[in-house]
PDB file of N, CA and C in Angstrom:
ATOM      1  N   MET A   1      -4.310  11.982   9.056  1.00  0.00           N
ATOM      2  CA  MET A   1      -3.547  12.233   7.914  1.00  0.00           C
ATOM      3  C   MET A   1      -3.303  13.632   7.613  1.00  0.00           C
ATOM      4  N   LYS A   2      -3.970  14.571   8.376  1.00  0.00           N
ATOM      5  CA  LYS A   2      -3.753  16.030   8.148  1.00  0.00           C
ATOM      6  C   LYS A   2      -2.366  16.354   8.592  1.00  0.00           C
ATOM      7  N   ASP A   3      -1.915  15.976   9.681  1.00  0.00           N
ATOM      8  CA  ASP A   3      -0.573  16.289  10.255  1.00  0.00           C
ATOM      9  C   ASP A   3       0.511  15.562   9.679  1.00  0.00           C
ATOM     10  N   ASN A   4       0.337  14.271   9.470  1.00  0.00           N
ATOM     11  CA  ASN A   4       1.303  13.314   9.002  1.00  0.00           C
ATOM     12  C   ASN A   4       0.793  12.616   7.744  1.00  0.00           C
ATOM     13  N   PRO A   5       1.398  12.709   6.474  1.00  0.00           N
ATOM     14  CA  PRO A   5       0.965  12.145   5.327  1.00  0.00           C
ATOM     15  C   PRO A   5       1.227  10.585   5.230  1.00  0.00           C
ATOM     16  N   TYR A   6       1.570   9.991   6.327  1.00  0.00           N
ATOM     17  CA  TYR A   6       1.944   8.557   6.375  1.00  0.00           C
ATOM     18  C   TYR A   6       1.483   7.986   7.603  1.00  0.00           C
ATOM     19  N   TRP A   7       0.840   6.716   7.523  1.00  0.00           N
ATOM     20  CA  TRP A   7       0.579   5.938   8.751  1.00  0.00           C
ATOM     21  C   TRP A   7       0.875   4.435   8.333  1.00  0.00           C
ATOM     22  N   GLU A   8       1.375   3.738   9.385  1.00  0.00           N
ATOM     23  CA  GLU A   8       1.729   2.341   9.210  1.00  0.00           C
ATOM     24  C   GLU A   8       1.415   1.641  10.558  1.00  0.00           C
ATOM     25  N   GLY A   9       0.791   0.492  10.412  1.00  0.00           N
ATOM     26  CA  GLY A   9       0.482  -0.208  11.677  1.00  0.00           C
ATOM     27  C   GLY A   9      -0.345  -1.484  11.357  1.00  0.00           C
ATOM     28  N   SER A  10      -0.786  -2.187  12.485  1.00  0.00           N
ATOM     29  CA  SER A  10      -1.568  -3.399  12.241  1.00  0.00           C
ATOM     30  C   SER A  10      -3.040  -3.010  12.042  1.00  0.00           C
ATOM     31  N   PRO A  11      -3.870  -3.965  11.597  1.00  0.00           N
ATOM     32  CA  PRO A  11      -5.288  -3.712  11.547  1.00  0.00           C
ATOM     33  C   PRO A  11      -5.848  -3.581  12.881  1.00  0.00           C
ATOM     34  N   THR A  12      -5.362  -4.178  13.855  1.00  0.00           N
ATOM     35  CA  THR A  12      -5.794  -4.035  15.306  1.00  0.00           C
ATOM     36  C   THR A  12      -5.557  -2.586  15.821  1.00  0.00           C
ATOM     37  N   ALA A  13      -4.411  -2.112  15.436  1.00  0.00           N
ATOM     38  CA  ALA A  13      -4.028  -0.723  15.802  1.00  0.00           C
ATOM     39  C   ALA A  13      -4.876   0.261  15.099  1.00  0.00           C
ATOM     40  N   LEU A  14      -5.300   0.039  13.842  1.00  0.00           N
ATOM     41  CA  LEU A  14      -6.123   0.950  13.128  1.00  0.00           C
ATOM     42  C   LEU A  14      -7.539   0.958  13.730  1.00  0.00           C
ATOM     43  N   VAL A  15      -8.051  -0.221  13.998  1.00  0.00           N
ATOM     44  CA  VAL A  15      -9.309  -0.274  14.654  1.00  0.00           C
ATOM     45  C   VAL A  15      -9.372   0.447  16.018  1.00  0.00           C
ATOM     46  N   ALA A  16      -8.279   0.314  16.738  1.00  0.00           N
ATOM     47  CA  ALA A  16      -8.213   1.057  18.088  1.00  0.00           C
ATOM     48  C   ALA A  16      -8.132   2.462  17.828  1.00  0.00           C
ATOM     49  N   LEU A  17      -7.346   2.926  16.836  1.00  0.00           N
ATOM     50  CA  LEU A  17      -7.172   4.379  16.543  1.00  0.00           C
ATOM     51  C   LEU A  17      -8.530   5.018  16.085  1.00  0.00           C
ATOM     52  N   MET A  18      -9.290   4.321  15.289  1.00  0.00           N
ATOM     53  CA  MET A  18     -10.521   4.800  14.850  1.00  0.00           C
ATOM     54  C   MET A  18     -11.615   4.689  15.855  1.00  0.00           C
ATOM     55  N   ASN A  19     -11.548   3.789  16.854  1.00  0.00           N
ATOM     56  CA  ASN A  19     -12.411   3.574  17.816  1.00  0.00           C
ATOM     57  C   ASN A  19     -13.854   3.199  17.308  1.00  0.00           C
ATOM     58  N   VAL A  20     -13.691   2.069  16.531  1.00  0.00           N
ATOM     59  CA  VAL A  20     -14.934   1.552  15.796  1.00  0.00           C
ATOM     60  C   VAL A  20     -15.079   0.055  16.317  1.00  0.00           C
ATOM     61  N   ASP A  21     -16.298  -0.437  16.191  1.00  0.00           N
ATOM     62  CA  ASP A  21     -16.580  -1.838  16.630  1.00  0.00           C
ATOM     63  C   ASP A  21     -16.622  -2.645  15.368  1.00  0.00           C
ATOM     64  N   ILE A  22     -15.434  -3.104  14.928  1.00  0.00           N
ATOM     65  CA  ILE A  22     -15.371  -3.953  13.613  1.00  0.00           C
ATOM     66  C   ILE A  22     -14.165  -4.913  13.956  1.00  0.00           C
ATOM     67  N   GLN A  23     -14.226  -6.071  13.397  1.00  0.00           N
ATOM     68  CA  GLN A  23     -13.103  -6.991  13.424  1.00  0.00           C
ATOM     69  C   GLN A  23     -11.863  -6.553  12.485  1.00  0.00           C
ATOM     70  N   PRO A  24     -10.709  -6.717  12.982  1.00  0.00           N
ATOM     71  CA  PRO A  24      -9.592  -6.274  12.176  1.00  0.00           C
ATOM     72  C   PRO A  24      -9.449  -6.830  10.806  1.00  0.00           C
ATOM     73  N   HIS A  25      -9.785  -8.117  10.708  1.00  0.00           N
ATOM     74  CA  HIS A  25      -9.709  -8.776   9.388  1.00  0.00           C
ATOM     75  C   HIS A  25     -10.802  -8.252   8.516  1.00  0.00           C
ATOM     76  N   VAL A  26     -11.885  -7.783   8.860  1.00  0.00           N
ATOM     77  CA  VAL A  26     -13.038  -7.243   8.147  1.00  0.00           C
ATOM     78  C   VAL A  26     -12.569  -5.800   7.644  1.00  0.00           C
ATOM     79  N   ILE A  27     -11.902  -5.060   8.447  1.00  0.00           N
ATOM     80  CA  ILE A  27     -11.521  -3.741   7.916  1.00  0.00           C
ATOM     81  C   ILE A  27     -10.475  -3.918   6.847  1.00  0.00           C
ATOM     82  N   THR A  28      -9.666  -4.899   7.035  1.00  0.00           N
ATOM     83  CA  THR A  28      -8.633  -5.056   5.999  1.00  0.00           C
ATOM     84  C   THR A  28      -9.201  -5.559   4.616  1.00  0.00           C
ATOM     85  N   ARG A  29     -10.189  -6.443   4.770  1.00  0.00           N
ATOM     86  CA  ARG A  29     -10.818  -6.853   3.519  1.00  0.00           C
ATOM     87  C   ARG A  29     -11.570  -5.740   2.837  1.00  0.00           C
ATOM     88  N   LYS A  30     -12.300  -4.915   3.561  1.00  0.00           N
ATOM     89  CA  LYS A  30     -12.988  -3.723   3.027  1.00  0.00           C
ATOM     90  C   LYS A  30     -11.918  -2.811   2.390  1.00  0.00           C
ATOM     91  N   LEU A  31     -10.869  -2.447   3.061  1.00  0.00           N
ATOM     92  CA  LEU A  31      -9.836  -1.541   2.503  1.00  0.00           C
ATOM     93  C   LEU A  31      -9.275  -2.194   1.239  1.00  0.00           C
ATOM     94  N   ASN A  32      -8.927  -3.358   1.164  1.00  0.00           N
ATOM     95  CA  ASN A  32      -8.497  -4.004  -0.090  1.00  0.00           C
ATOM     96  C   ASN A  32      -9.519  -3.882  -1.161  1.00  0.00           C
ATOM     97  N   VAL A  33     -10.730  -3.988  -0.969  1.00  0.00           N
ATOM     98  CA  VAL A  33     -11.813  -3.884  -2.089  1.00  0.00           C
ATOM     99  C   VAL A  33     -11.887  -2.377  -2.489  1.00  0.00           C
ATOM    100  N   LEU A  34     -11.920  -1.548  -1.414  1.00  0.00           N
ATOM    101  CA  LEU A  34     -12.190  -0.050  -1.799  1.00  0.00           C
ATOM    102  C   LEU A  34     -10.867   0.819  -1.903  1.00  0.00           C
ATOM    103  N   ALA A  35      -9.780   0.216  -2.099  1.00  0.00           N
ATOM    104  CA  ALA A  35      -8.500   0.971  -2.192  1.00  0.00           C
ATOM    105  C   ALA A  35      -8.464   1.961  -3.326  1.00  0.00           C
ATOM    106  N   GLY A  36      -9.039   1.585  -4.393  1.00  0.00           N
ATOM    107  CA  GLY A  36      -9.127   2.499  -5.706  1.00  0.00           C
ATOM    108  C   GLY A  36     -10.025   3.732  -5.367  1.00  0.00           C
ATOM    109  N   ARG A  37     -11.123   3.483  -4.678  1.00  0.00           N
ATOM    110  CA  ARG A  37     -12.038   4.552  -4.290  1.00  0.00           C
ATOM    111  C   ARG A  37     -11.301   5.549  -3.286  1.00  0.00           C
ATOM    112  N   LEU A  38     -10.615   4.991  -2.298  1.00  0.00           N
ATOM    113  CA  LEU A  38     -10.015   5.735  -1.320  1.00  0.00           C
ATOM    114  C   LEU A  38      -9.015   6.758  -2.068  1.00  0.00           C
ATOM    115  N   TYR A  39      -8.361   6.196  -3.050  1.00  0.00           N
ATOM    116  CA  TYR A  39      -7.298   6.976  -3.815  1.00  0.00           C
ATOM    117  C   TYR A  39      -8.035   8.035  -4.701  1.00  0.00           C
ATOM    118  N   ALA A  40      -9.158   7.605  -5.403  1.00  0.00           N
ATOM    119  CA  ALA A  40      -9.800   8.501  -6.244  1.00  0.00           C
ATOM    120  C   ALA A  40     -10.598   9.682  -5.546  1.00  0.00           C
ATOM    121  N   GLU A  41     -11.024   9.397  -4.415  1.00  0.00           N
ATOM    122  CA  GLU A  41     -11.842  10.458  -3.654  1.00  0.00           C
ATOM    123  C   GLU A  41     -10.997  11.202  -2.648  1.00  0.00           C
ATOM    124  N   HIS A  42      -9.876  10.650  -2.157  1.00  0.00           N
ATOM    125  CA  HIS A  42      -9.147  11.423  -1.088  1.00  0.00           C
ATOM    126  C   HIS A  42      -7.646  11.461  -1.466  1.00  0.00           C
ATOM    127  N   GLY A  43      -7.181  10.765  -2.454  1.00  0.00           N
ATOM    128  CA  GLY A  43      -5.733  10.838  -2.775  1.00  0.00           C
ATOM    129  C   GLY A  43      -4.894  10.058  -1.834  1.00  0.00           C
ATOM    130  N   ILE A  44      -5.508   9.135  -1.133  1.00  0.00           N
ATOM    131  CA  ILE A  44      -4.674   8.305  -0.072  1.00  0.00           C
ATOM    132  C   ILE A  44      -4.450   6.923  -0.733  1.00  0.00           C
ATOM    133  N   LEU A  45      -3.192   6.625  -0.800  1.00  0.00           N
ATOM    134  CA  LEU A  45      -2.846   5.259  -1.319  1.00  0.00           C
ATOM    135  C   LEU A  45      -2.704   4.258  -0.145  1.00  0.00           C
ATOM    136  N   PHE A  46      -3.086   3.009  -0.353  1.00  0.00           N
ATOM    137  CA  PHE A  46      -3.200   2.050   0.651  1.00  0.00           C
ATOM    138  C   PHE A  46      -2.445   0.685   0.259  1.00  0.00           C
ATOM    139  N   ARG A  47      -1.804   0.081   1.142  1.00  0.00           N
ATOM    140  CA  ARG A  47      -1.149  -1.139   0.760  1.00  0.00           C
ATOM    141  C   ARG A  47      -1.211  -2.008   2.110  1.00  0.00           C
ATOM    142  N   SER A  48      -1.499  -3.200   1.806  1.00  0.00           N
ATOM    143  CA  SER A  48      -1.639  -4.296   2.854  1.00  0.00           C
ATOM    144  C   SER A  48      -0.561  -5.384   2.676  1.00  0.00           C
ATOM    145  N   GLU A  49       0.213  -5.777   3.517  1.00  0.00           N
ATOM    146  CA  GLU A  49       1.175  -6.819   3.315  1.00  0.00           C
ATOM    147  C   GLU A  49       1.352  -7.669   4.545  1.00  0.00           C
ATOM    148  N   ARG A  50       1.782  -8.877   4.317  1.00  0.00           N
ATOM    149  CA  ARG A  50       1.947  -9.882   5.357  1.00  0.00           C
ATOM    150  C   ARG A  50       3.444  -9.815   5.713  1.00  0.00           C
ATOM    151  N   VAL A  51       3.696  -9.659   7.062  1.00  0.00           N
ATOM    152  CA  VAL A  51       5.034  -9.587   7.507  1.00  0.00           C
ATOM    153  C   VAL A  51       5.168 -10.766   8.600  1.00  0.00           C
ATOM    154  N   HIS A  52       6.380 -10.967   9.173  1.00  0.00           N
ATOM    155  CA  HIS A  52       6.633 -12.019  10.025  1.00  0.00           C
ATOM    156  C   HIS A  52       5.712 -11.750  11.284  1.00  0.00           C
ATOM    157  N   GLU A  53       5.444 -10.534  11.729  1.00  0.00           N
ATOM    158  CA  GLU A  53       4.760 -10.288  12.889  1.00  0.00           C
ATOM    159  C   GLU A  53       3.205 -10.257  12.590  1.00  0.00           C
ATOM    160  N   GLY A  54       2.786 -10.343  11.439  1.00  0.00           N
ATOM    161  CA  GLY A  54       1.358 -10.421  11.066  1.00  0.00           C
ATOM    162  C   GLY A  54       1.084  -9.497   9.956  1.00  0.00           C
ATOM    163  N   ARG A  55      -0.104  -8.915   9.881  1.00  0.00           N
ATOM    164  CA  ARG A  55      -0.485  -8.125   8.769  1.00  0.00           C
ATOM    165  C   ARG A  55      -0.065  -6.711   9.043  1.00  0.00           C
ATOM    166  N   LYS A  56       0.351  -5.908   8.011  1.00  0.00           N
ATOM    167  CA  LYS A  56       0.703  -4.558   8.182  1.00  0.00           C
ATOM    168  C   LYS A  56      -0.057  -3.733   7.123  1.00  0.00           C
ATOM    169  N   LEU A  57      -0.540  -2.565   7.609  1.00  0.00           N
ATOM    170  CA  LEU A  57      -1.332  -1.665   6.739  1.00  0.00           C
ATOM    171  C   LEU A  57      -0.497  -0.438   6.572  1.00  0.00           C
ATOM    172  N   ARG A  58      -0.449   0.142   5.359  1.00  0.00           N
ATOM    173  CA  ARG A  58       0.176   1.361   5.172  1.00  0.00           C
ATOM    174  C   ARG A  58      -0.712   2.313   4.364  1.00  0.00           C
ATOM    175  N   PHE A  59      -0.792   3.612   4.849  1.00  0.00           N
ATOM    176  CA  PHE A  59      -1.517   4.636   4.170  1.00  0.00           C
ATOM    177  C   PHE A  59      -0.613   5.699   3.913  1.00  0.00           C
ATOM    178  N   TRP A  60      -0.614   6.390   2.781  1.00  0.00           N
ATOM    179  CA  TRP A  60       0.185   7.683   2.515  1.00  0.00           C
ATOM    180  C   TRP A  60      -0.591   8.404   1.568  1.00  0.00           C
ATOM    181  N   LYS A  61      -0.334   9.825   1.768  1.00  0.00           N
ATOM    182  CA  LYS A  61      -0.917  10.815   0.817  1.00  0.00           C
ATOM    183  C   LYS A  61      -0.134  10.867  -0.440  1.00  0.00           C
ATOM    184  N   ASP A  62      -0.869  10.892  -1.583  1.00  0.00           N
ATOM    185  CA  ASP A  62      -0.187  11.126  -2.771  1.00  0.00           C
ATOM    186  C   ASP A  62      -0.015  12.595  -3.066  1.00  0.00           C
ATOM    187  N   ASN A  63       1.229  13.002  -3.039  1.00  0.00           N
ATOM    188  CA  ASN A  63       1.545  14.391  -3.243  1.00  0.00           C
ATOM    189  C   ASN A  63       1.853  14.717  -4.676  1.00  0.00           C
ATOM    190  N   THR A  64       1.856  13.779  -5.576  1.00  0.00           N
ATOM    191  CA  THR A  64       2.194  13.960  -6.968  1.00  0.00           C
ATOM    192  C   THR A  64       0.944  14.609  -7.628  1.00  0.00           C
ATOM    193  N   GLN A  65      -0.214  14.362  -7.086  1.00  0.00           N
ATOM    194  CA  GLN A  65      -1.249  15.078  -7.849  1.00  0.00           C
ATOM    195  C   GLN A  65      -1.385  16.527  -7.792  1.00  0.00           C
ATOM    196  N   ASN A  66      -0.639  17.202  -6.850  1.00  0.00           N
ATOM    197  CA  ASN A  66      -0.623  18.627  -6.771  1.00  0.00           C
ATOM    198  C   ASN A  66       0.471  19.215  -7.703  1.00  0.00           C
ATOM    199  N   ALA A  67       1.276  18.421  -8.234  1.00  0.00           N
ATOM    200  CA  ALA A  67       2.456  18.881  -8.987  1.00  0.00           C
ATOM    201  C   ALA A  67       2.123  19.190 -10.388  1.00  0.00           C
TER     202      ALA A  67
END
Protein backbone atom coordinates (compact mmCIF):
# COMPACT_ATOMS: atom_id res chain seq x y z
CA MET A 1 0.00 0.00 0.00
CA LYS A 2 3.00 2.32 0.22
CA ASP A 3 3.45 2.66 -3.55
CA ASN A 4 -0.16 2.17 -4.63
CA PRO A 5 -3.06 3.32 -2.40
CA TYR A 6 -5.42 0.74 -3.98
CA TRP A 7 -5.45 -3.06 -4.24
CA GLU A 8 -8.15 -5.34 -5.64
CA GLY A 9 -8.19 -9.09 -6.07
CA SER A 10 -9.43 -12.44 -4.86
CA PRO A 11 -8.86 -13.82 -1.35
CA THR A 12 -6.63 -16.48 -2.94
CA ALA A 13 -4.49 -13.79 -4.57
CA LEU A 14 -4.21 -11.94 -1.25
CA VAL A 15 -3.06 -15.10 0.56
CA ALA A 16 -0.47 -15.73 -2.18
CA LEU A 17 0.71 -12.09 -2.05
CA MET A 18 1.12 -12.18 1.72
CA ASN A 19 2.72 -15.64 1.62
CA VAL A 20 0.83 -16.92 4.68
CA ASP A 21 -0.60 -20.33 5.43
CA ILE A 22 -4.30 -19.51 5.88
CA GLN A 23 -7.43 -20.51 4.00
CA PRO A 24 -8.79 -17.72 1.74
CA HIS A 25 -12.28 -17.88 3.28
CA VAL A 26 -10.79 -17.49 6.77
CA ILE A 27 -8.87 -14.34 5.83
CA THR A 28 -12.03 -12.86 4.29
CA ARG A 29 -14.01 -13.60 7.47
CA LYS A 30 -11.31 -12.04 9.67
CA LEU A 31 -11.10 -8.94 7.49
CA ASN A 32 -14.88 -8.48 7.59
CA VAL A 33 -14.80 -8.58 11.39
CA LEU A 34 -11.73 -6.33 11.75
CA ALA A 35 -12.49 -3.80 8.99
CA GLY A 36 -13.23 -1.01 11.49
CA ARG A 37 -9.96 -1.60 13.30
CA LEU A 38 -8.03 -1.66 10.01
CA TYR A 39 -9.44 1.78 9.21
CA ALA A 40 -8.99 3.21 12.70
CA GLU A 41 -5.38 2.10 13.08
CA HIS A 42 -4.09 2.38 9.51
CA GLY A 43 -6.60 4.48 7.53
CA ILE A 44 -7.23 1.59 5.12
CA LEU A 45 -10.77 0.98 3.92
CA PHE A 46 -11.86 -2.56 3.06
CA ARG A 47 -14.75 -3.93 1.04
CA SER A 48 -15.62 -7.51 0.20
CA GLU A 49 -18.16 -8.30 -2.48
CA ARG A 50 -19.46 -11.24 -4.42
CA VAL A 51 -19.05 -11.06 -8.19
CA HIS A 52 -19.73 -13.56 -10.95
CA GLU A 53 -16.15 -14.87 -10.83
CA GLY A 54 -16.22 -15.32 -7.04
CA ARG A 55 -15.32 -13.14 -4.09
CA LYS A 56 -13.47 -9.83 -4.63
CA LEU A 57 -11.58 -7.90 -1.98
CA ARG A 58 -10.75 -4.20 -2.25
CA PHE A 59 -8.41 -2.15 -0.11
CA TRP A 60 -7.76 1.55 -0.48
CA LYS A 61 -6.10 4.24 1.56
CA ASP A 62 -8.34 6.99 2.87
CA ASN A 63 -6.71 10.24 1.81
CA THR A 64 -9.46 12.45 3.26
CA GLN A 65 -8.06 12.24 6.79
CA ASN A 66 -5.03 14.29 5.69
CA ALA A 67 -7.19 17.12 4.35
